[in-house]
Amino acid sequence: MAIATFGAGCFWGVEQFFKEVEGVKRATCGYMGGESDNPSYQEVKTGNTGHAEVVEVEFDDTIVSFEQLLETFWQFHNPTTVNQQGEDHGSQYRSVVFYHNDAQKQQAQLSKAHQQNFGYWKDKTIVTEIEPVQTFYVAEEYHQGYFDKHDLPSCHIALY
């Protein structure tokens, strides 16, 4: 199994999109990239901790590649808005790929460049950050599988 970590706005929708990808074994909502240890949702949602809402994706790389996960990532959020996805505003909603190794870093950079030059967003500037992985803090249980527990529409776009 391999691990990938993505931030693309509210983690509920991010989790849902990745759970639907064949080869993804687990998608977990959490927080990464901030200053404090073990932040709570109440702290992160203020935008003052520096954490992003992220989803840690455990995947079978013999079934789905990191590159394919990146393709999914670009298709369900707007990577051209700084610290915003739809109605959600703040650094906790930033577009970010946290890479777990040098290969993921290189693949994320190449994928971002490809999207910038040839993808759906080519007429706008992609602001997605590509950063080294940091400590992943699992979000509270009520955030896990949120759309499975509630009959709500996703807050994300879908370009496919």
C-alpha atoms as a PDB file:
ATOM      1  CA  MET A   1       0.000   0.000   0.000  1.00  0.00           C
ATOM      2  CA  ALA A   2       1.034   3.583  -0.651  1.00  0.00           C
ATOM      3  CA  ILE A   3      -0.074   6.856   0.930  1.00  0.00           C
ATOM      4  CA  ALA A   4      -0.958  10.198  -0.668  1.00  0.00           C
ATOM      5  CA  THR A   5      -2.260  13.350   1.031  1.00  0.00           C
ATOM      6  CA  PHE A   6      -4.369  16.030  -0.634  1.00  0.00           C
ATOM      7  CA  GLY A   7      -6.048  19.262   0.437  1.00  0.00           C
ATOM      8  CA  ALA A   8      -8.751  20.660  -1.831  1.00  0.00           C
ATOM      9  CA  GLY A   9     -11.226  22.529   0.313  1.00  0.00           C
ATOM     10  CA  CYS A  10     -13.677  20.926   2.711  1.00  0.00           C
ATOM     11  CA  PHE A  11     -12.384  17.434   3.390  1.00  0.00           C
ATOM     12  CA  TRP A  12     -15.825  15.816   3.275  1.00  0.00           C
ATOM     13  CA  GLY A  13     -16.031  16.098  -0.512  1.00  0.00           C
ATOM     14  CA  VAL A  14     -12.357  15.258  -1.023  1.00  0.00           C
ATOM     15  CA  GLU A  15     -12.811  12.058   0.978  1.00  0.00           C
ATOM     16  CA  GLN A  16     -15.909  11.109  -1.017  1.00  0.00           C
ATOM     17  CA  PHE A  17     -14.234  11.566  -4.404  1.00  0.00           C
ATOM     18  CA  PHE A  18     -11.197   9.506  -3.472  1.00  0.00           C
ATOM     19  CA  LYS A  19     -13.247   6.722  -1.875  1.00  0.00           C
ATOM     20  CA  GLU A  20     -14.876   6.172  -5.259  1.00  0.00           C
ATOM     21  CA  VAL A  21     -11.540   5.547  -7.024  1.00  0.00           C
ATOM     22  CA  GLU A  22     -10.818   1.887  -7.704  1.00  0.00           C
ATOM     23  CA  GLY A  23      -7.690   0.875  -5.799  1.00  0.00           C
ATOM     24  CA  VAL A  24      -8.214   3.311  -2.940  1.00  0.00           C
ATOM     25  CA  LYS A  25      -8.422   1.240   0.224  1.00  0.00           C
ATOM     26  CA  ARG A  26      -8.974   4.041   2.734  1.00  0.00           C
ATOM     27  CA  ALA A  27      -9.548   7.802   2.707  1.00  0.00           C
ATOM     28  CA  THR A  28      -9.299   9.571   6.067  1.00  0.00           C
ATOM     29  CA  CYS A  29     -10.154  13.187   6.880  1.00  0.00           C
ATOM     30  CA  GLY A  30      -7.604  15.101   8.892  1.00  0.00           C
ATOM     31  CA  TYR A  31      -5.352  18.111   9.287  1.00  0.00           C
ATOM     32  CA  MET A  32      -1.815  18.829   8.106  1.00  0.00           C
ATOM     33  CA  GLY A  33       0.583  21.678   7.601  1.00  0.00           C
ATOM     34  CA  GLY A  34       0.050  23.757  10.701  1.00  0.00           C
ATOM     35  CA  GLU A  35       1.857  25.013  13.742  1.00  0.00           C
ATOM     36  CA  SER A  36       0.193  23.230  16.663  1.00  0.00           C
ATOM     37  CA  ASP A  37       0.068  19.580  17.683  1.00  0.00           C
ATOM     38  CA  ASN A  38      -3.188  17.655  17.687  1.00  0.00           C
ATOM     39  CA  PRO A  39      -5.478  20.463  16.510  1.00  0.00           C
ATOM     40  CA  SER A  40      -9.230  20.162  16.819  1.00  0.00           C
ATOM     41  CA  TYR A  41     -11.728  21.069  14.129  1.00  0.00           C
ATOM     42  CA  GLN A  42     -12.788  24.030  16.263  1.00  0.00           C
ATOM     43  CA  GLU A  43      -9.197  25.325  16.128  1.00  0.00           C
ATOM     44  CA  VAL A  44      -8.527  24.551  12.458  1.00  0.00           C
ATOM     45  CA  LYS A  45     -11.768  26.092  11.193  1.00  0.00           C
ATOM     46  CA  THR A  46     -10.644  29.507  12.505  1.00  0.00           C
ATOM     47  CA  GLY A  47      -7.798  29.503   9.979  1.00  0.00           C
ATOM     48  CA  ASN A  48      -5.358  30.475  12.727  1.00  0.00           C
ATOM     49  CA  THR A  49      -3.477  27.177  13.135  1.00  0.00           C
ATOM     50  CA  GLY A  50      -2.018  27.011   9.632  1.00  0.00           C
ATOM     51  CA  HIS A  51      -3.406  23.514   9.077  1.00  0.00           C
ATOM     52  CA  ALA A  52      -5.209  22.508   5.911  1.00  0.00           C
ATOM     53  CA  GLU A  53      -8.176  20.181   5.865  1.00  0.00           C
ATOM     54  CA  VAL A  54      -6.726  17.165   4.054  1.00  0.00           C
ATOM     55  CA  VAL A  55      -7.499  13.597   3.149  1.00  0.00           C
ATOM     56  CA  GLU A  56      -4.923  10.875   3.605  1.00  0.00           C
ATOM     57  CA  VAL A  57      -5.433   8.288   0.873  1.00  0.00           C
ATOM     58  CA  GLU A  58      -4.159   4.740   1.271  1.00  0.00           C
ATOM     59  CA  PHE A  59      -4.067   3.084  -2.124  1.00  0.00           C
ATOM     60  CA  ASP A  60      -2.918  -0.069  -3.861  1.00  0.00           C
ATOM     61  CA  ASP A  61      -0.400   1.228  -6.377  1.00  0.00           C
ATOM     62  CA  THR A  62      -0.728  -1.928  -8.445  1.00  0.00           C
ATOM     63  CA  ILE A  63      -4.325  -0.885  -9.173  1.00  0.00           C
ATOM     64  CA  VAL A  64      -4.189   2.930  -9.180  1.00  0.00           C
ATOM     65  CA  SER A  65      -1.112   5.113  -9.545  1.00  0.00           C
ATOM     66  CA  PHE A  66      -0.277   8.344  -7.770  1.00  0.00           C
ATOM     67  CA  GLU A  67      -0.515  10.037 -11.182  1.00  0.00           C
ATOM     68  CA  GLN A  68      -4.097   8.788 -11.544  1.00  0.00           C
ATOM     69  CA  LEU A  69      -4.933  10.132  -8.080  1.00  0.00           C
ATOM     70  CA  LEU A  70      -3.511  13.490  -9.163  1.00  0.00           C
ATOM     71  CA  GLU A  71      -5.810  13.450 -12.202  1.00  0.00           C
ATOM     72  CA  THR A  72      -8.756  12.915  -9.873  1.00  0.00           C
ATOM     73  CA  PHE A  73      -7.509  15.712  -7.600  1.00  0.00           C
ATOM     74  CA  TRP A  74      -7.460  18.270 -10.447  1.00  0.00           C
ATOM     75  CA  GLN A  75     -10.996  17.334 -11.521  1.00  0.00           C
ATOM     76  CA  PHE A  76     -13.014  18.005  -8.362  1.00  0.00           C
ATOM     77  CA  HIS A  77     -11.805  21.344  -7.082  1.00  0.00           C
ATOM     78  CA  ASN A  78     -10.726  24.753  -8.348  1.00  0.00           C
ATOM     79  CA  PRO A  79      -6.928  24.953  -7.985  1.00  0.00           C
ATOM     80  CA  THR A  80      -6.859  28.605  -9.095  1.00  0.00           C
ATOM     81  CA  THR A  81      -8.403  30.201  -6.019  1.00  0.00           C
ATOM     82  CA  VAL A  82      -6.102  31.101  -3.134  1.00  0.00           C
ATOM     83  CA  ASN A  83      -7.400  29.772   0.190  1.00  0.00           C
ATOM     84  CA  GLN A  84     -10.891  29.206  -1.161  1.00  0.00           C
ATOM     85  CA  GLN A  85     -13.139  26.492  -2.499  1.00  0.00           C
ATOM     86  CA  GLY A  86     -16.622  27.686  -3.305  1.00  0.00           C
ATOM     87  CA  GLU A  87     -18.130  29.341  -0.244  1.00  0.00           C
ATOM     88  CA  ASP A  88     -15.329  28.110   2.038  1.00  0.00           C
ATOM     89  CA  HIS A  89     -12.649  30.737   2.688  1.00  0.00           C
ATOM     90  CA  GLY A  90      -9.405  30.501   4.647  1.00  0.00           C
ATOM     91  CA  SER A  91      -5.992  28.857   4.507  1.00  0.00           C
ATOM     92  CA  GLN A  92      -7.512  25.652   5.893  1.00  0.00           C
ATOM     93  CA  TYR A  93      -9.228  25.222   2.493  1.00  0.00           C
ATOM     94  CA  ARG A  94      -6.124  25.713   0.339  1.00  0.00           C
ATOM     95  CA  SER A  95      -5.256  23.521  -2.614  1.00  0.00           C
ATOM     96  CA  VAL A  96      -2.216  21.455  -1.654  1.00  0.00           C
ATOM     97  CA  VAL A  97      -0.458  18.187  -2.399  1.00  0.00           C
ATOM     98  CA  PHE A  98       1.657  16.922   0.497  1.00  0.00           C
ATOM     99  CA  TYR A  99       4.226  14.586  -1.064  1.00  0.00           C
ATOM    100  CA  HIS A 100       5.533  11.540   0.805  1.00  0.00           C
ATOM    101  CA  ASN A 101       8.705  10.995  -1.241  1.00  0.00           C
ATOM    102  CA  ASP A 102      10.765  12.504  -4.045  1.00  0.00           C
ATOM    103  CA  ALA A 103       8.882  10.553  -6.717  1.00  0.00           C
ATOM    104  CA  GLN A 104       5.548  12.012  -5.543  1.00  0.00           C
ATOM    105  CA  LYS A 105       7.077  15.500  -5.462  1.00  0.00           C
ATOM    106  CA  GLN A 106       8.294  15.186  -9.042  1.00  0.00           C
ATOM    107  CA  GLN A 107       5.020  13.670 -10.247  1.00  0.00           C
ATOM    108  CA  ALA A 108       2.985  16.398  -8.524  1.00  0.00           C
ATOM    109  CA  GLN A 109       5.135  19.132 -10.078  1.00  0.00           C
ATOM    110  CA  LEU A 110       4.861  17.583 -13.544  1.00  0.00           C
ATOM    111  CA  SER A 111       1.116  17.075 -13.183  1.00  0.00           C
ATOM    112  CA  LYS A 112       0.609  20.663 -12.029  1.00  0.00           C
ATOM    113  CA  ALA A 113       2.652  21.967 -14.975  1.00  0.00           C
ATOM    114  CA  HIS A 114       0.665  19.791 -17.374  1.00  0.00           C
ATOM    115  CA  GLN A 115      -2.627  21.057 -15.942  1.00  0.00           C
ATOM    116  CA  GLN A 116      -1.384  24.633 -16.168  1.00  0.00           C
ATOM    117  CA  ASN A 117      -0.439  24.250 -19.823  1.00  0.00           C
ATOM    118  CA  PHE A 118      -3.019  21.836 -21.179  1.00  0.00           C
ATOM    119  CA  GLY A 119      -5.715  21.162 -18.598  1.00  0.00           C
ATOM    120  CA  TYR A 120      -9.116  22.600 -17.855  1.00  0.00           C
ATOM    121  CA  TRP A 121      -7.547  25.437 -15.833  1.00  0.00           C
ATOM    122  CA  LYS A 122      -4.940  26.467 -18.453  1.00  0.00           C
ATOM    123  CA  ASP A 123      -6.390  29.975 -18.815  1.00  0.00           C
ATOM    124  CA  LYS A 124      -5.938  30.726 -15.109  1.00  0.00           C
ATOM    125  CA  THR A 125      -2.982  30.453 -12.739  1.00  0.00           C
ATOM    126  CA  ILE A 126      -2.933  27.270 -10.673  1.00  0.00           C
ATOM    127  CA  VAL A 127      -1.990  28.151  -7.081  1.00  0.00           C
ATOM    128  CA  THR A 128      -1.824  24.618  -5.683  1.00  0.00           C
ATOM    129  CA  GLU A 129       0.995  24.216  -3.181  1.00  0.00           C
ATOM    130  CA  ILE A 130       3.293  21.182  -3.315  1.00  0.00           C
ATOM    131  CA  GLU A 131       4.815  20.608   0.101  1.00  0.00           C
ATOM    132  CA  PRO A 132       6.591  17.829   1.998  1.00  0.00           C
ATOM    133  CA  VAL A 133       4.355  15.696   4.169  1.00  0.00           C
ATOM    134  CA  GLN A 134       4.029  16.731   7.788  1.00  0.00           C
ATOM    135  CA  THR A 135       2.327  15.121  10.748  1.00  0.00           C
ATOM    136  CA  PHE A 136      -1.159  13.948   9.861  1.00  0.00           C
ATOM    137  CA  TYR A 137      -3.760  14.495  12.549  1.00  0.00           C
ATOM    138  CA  VAL A 138      -6.918  12.428  12.103  1.00  0.00           C
ATOM    139  CA  ALA A 139     -10.066  14.555  12.244  1.00  0.00           C
ATOM    140  CA  GLU A 140     -12.808  13.823  14.718  1.00  0.00           C
ATOM    141  CA  GLU A 141     -14.911  10.732  14.043  1.00  0.00           C
ATOM    142  CA  TYR A 142     -17.995  12.677  12.975  1.00  0.00           C
ATOM    143  CA  HIS A 143     -16.032  13.993   9.964  1.00  0.00           C
ATOM    144  CA  GLN A 144     -15.163  10.499   8.706  1.00  0.00           C
ATOM    145  CA  GLY A 145     -17.523   9.273   5.974  1.00  0.00           C
ATOM    146  CA  TYR A 146     -19.596  12.416   6.391  1.00  0.00           C
ATOM    147  CA  PHE A 147     -21.543  12.038   3.143  1.00  0.00           C
ATOM    148  CA  ASP A 148     -22.221   8.378   3.941  1.00  0.00           C
ATOM    149  CA  LYS A 149     -23.799   9.505   7.217  1.00  0.00           C
ATOM    150  CA  HIS A 150     -25.759  12.487   5.855  1.00  0.00           C
ATOM    151  CA  ASP A 151     -27.883  12.982   2.776  1.00  0.00           C
ATOM    152  CA  LEU A 152     -26.155  16.127   1.526  1.00  0.00           C
ATOM    153  CA  PRO A 153     -24.778  17.192  -1.844  1.00  0.00           C
ATOM    154  CA  SER A 154     -21.016  17.560  -2.204  1.00  0.00           C
ATOM    155  CA  CYS A 155     -19.564  21.030  -1.870  1.00  0.00           C
ATOM    156  CA  HIS A 156     -17.117  20.267  -4.695  1.00  0.00           C
ATOM    157  CA  ILE A 157     -17.296  20.588  -8.452  1.00  0.00           C
ATOM    158  CA  ALA A 158     -16.889  17.620 -10.762  1.00  0.00           C
ATOM    159  CA  LEU A 159     -15.294  18.179 -14.145  1.00  0.00           C
ATOM    160  CA  TYR A 160     -15.742  14.606 -15.331  1.00  0.00           C
END
